[in-house]
Amino acid sequence: MKEQLGIVLAACETYGRGSVLDAMRYCEDLELYSANDLRDAADMISGHTLTRLDAEFKRIPLEDERYHVPVQKRDLSVYADVASGSGVPQ
């Protein structure tokens, strides 16, 4: 509870009371009850996120060999065993 209230207070200080109240209404409409969701909504409403989304994204150059990293391929049954608990060593 203390951490959640700390996040709400920090959001008020960062984004202002009006943005946080608008964010509360937004979260209430979407049934979002986490302080992190409230902070993110206040960030979006206040316009901070919009400026970040407008920034140019730099893509990794696929022709560069150092980005071609081989990965291990496993059968999906391995993940199913782990999820069921049978594949986890004791």
Protein backbone atom coordinates (compact mmCIF):
# COMPACT_ATOMS: atom_id res chain seq x y z
CA MET A 1 0.00 0.00 0.00
CA LYS A 2 2.82 2.37 0.90
CA GLU A 3 4.59 1.75 -2.42
CA GLN A 4 1.37 2.27 -4.38
CA LEU A 5 0.70 5.59 -2.63
CA GLY A 6 4.29 6.64 -3.22
CA ILE A 7 3.83 6.07 -6.95
CA VAL A 8 0.60 8.12 -6.92
CA LEU A 9 2.31 10.98 -5.07
CA ALA A 10 5.26 10.91 -7.46
CA ALA A 11 2.85 11.01 -10.41
CA CYS A 12 1.14 14.06 -8.91
CA GLU A 13 4.47 15.81 -8.53
CA THR A 14 5.63 14.87 -12.04
CA TYR A 15 2.47 15.32 -14.11
CA GLY A 16 0.31 17.64 -12.00
CA ARG A 17 -2.94 17.11 -10.19
CA GLY A 18 -5.15 17.64 -13.26
CA SER A 19 -3.39 15.01 -15.36
CA VAL A 20 -3.48 12.51 -12.51
CA LEU A 21 -7.21 13.10 -11.93
CA ASP A 22 -7.86 12.63 -15.66
CA ALA A 23 -5.74 9.49 -15.51
CA MET A 24 -7.80 8.21 -12.56
CA ARG A 25 -11.00 8.59 -14.57
CA TYR A 26 -9.36 6.86 -17.54
CA CYS A 27 -8.16 3.97 -15.35
CA GLU A 28 -11.53 3.69 -13.66
CA ASP A 29 -13.26 3.38 -17.05
CA LEU A 30 -10.85 0.60 -18.05
CA GLU A 31 -10.93 -1.03 -14.59
CA LEU A 32 -7.19 -0.55 -14.08
CA TYR A 33 -6.36 -0.34 -10.40
CA SER A 34 -2.56 -0.35 -10.26
CA ALA A 35 -0.60 2.77 -9.35
CA ASN A 36 1.75 1.93 -12.21
CA ASP A 37 -1.19 2.01 -14.63
CA LEU A 38 -2.23 5.36 -13.17
CA ARG A 39 1.28 6.75 -13.59
CA ASP A 40 1.48 5.50 -17.18
CA ALA A 41 -1.94 6.97 -17.99
CA ALA A 42 -0.92 10.32 -16.49
CA ASP A 43 2.24 10.19 -18.59
CA MET A 44 0.18 9.56 -21.72
CA ILE A 45 -2.42 12.24 -20.90
CA SER A 46 0.18 14.86 -20.09
CA GLY A 47 1.82 14.32 -23.46
CA HIS A 48 5.18 12.94 -22.34
CA THR A 49 4.63 9.58 -24.04
CA LEU A 50 3.41 11.17 -27.26
CA THR A 51 6.69 13.00 -27.76
CA ARG A 52 8.58 9.75 -27.19
CA LEU A 53 6.42 7.93 -29.73
CA ASP A 54 7.10 10.61 -32.32
CA ALA A 55 10.84 10.10 -32.00
CA GLU A 56 12.54 8.36 -34.89
CA PHE A 57 13.21 4.70 -34.18
CA LYS A 58 16.55 3.38 -35.31
CA ARG A 59 16.44 -0.11 -36.71
CA ILE A 60 19.19 -2.66 -36.42
CA PRO A 61 20.89 -3.08 -39.80
CA LEU A 62 20.09 -6.66 -40.78
CA GLU A 63 22.97 -6.85 -43.23
CA ASP A 64 25.46 -6.46 -40.35
CA GLU A 65 26.75 -9.96 -39.46
CA ARG A 66 27.17 -9.19 -35.75
CA TYR A 67 23.37 -9.09 -35.39
CA HIS A 68 22.96 -12.62 -36.73
CA VAL A 69 23.06 -14.56 -33.48
CA PRO A 70 22.20 -18.26 -33.62
CA VAL A 71 19.67 -19.40 -31.04
CA GLN A 72 19.02 -22.82 -29.66
CA LYS A 73 15.83 -24.41 -30.99
CA ARG A 74 13.82 -26.68 -28.72
CA ASP A 75 10.75 -28.78 -29.16
CA LEU A 76 7.64 -27.18 -27.62
CA SER A 77 7.19 -30.24 -25.40
CA VAL A 78 10.20 -29.04 -23.36
CA TYR A 79 8.28 -25.89 -22.41
CA ALA A 80 5.12 -27.87 -21.71
CA ASP A 81 7.10 -30.14 -19.35
CA VAL A 82 8.52 -27.14 -17.51
CA ALA A 83 5.09 -25.52 -17.24
CA SER A 84 3.63 -28.72 -15.77
CA GLY A 85 6.48 -28.99 -13.29
CA SER A 86 7.88 -32.25 -14.60
CA GLY A 87 10.78 -30.66 -16.46
CA VAL A 88 12.09 -28.73 -13.47
CA PRO A 89 15.05 -30.35 -11.70
CA GLN A 90 14.60 -30.76 -7.95
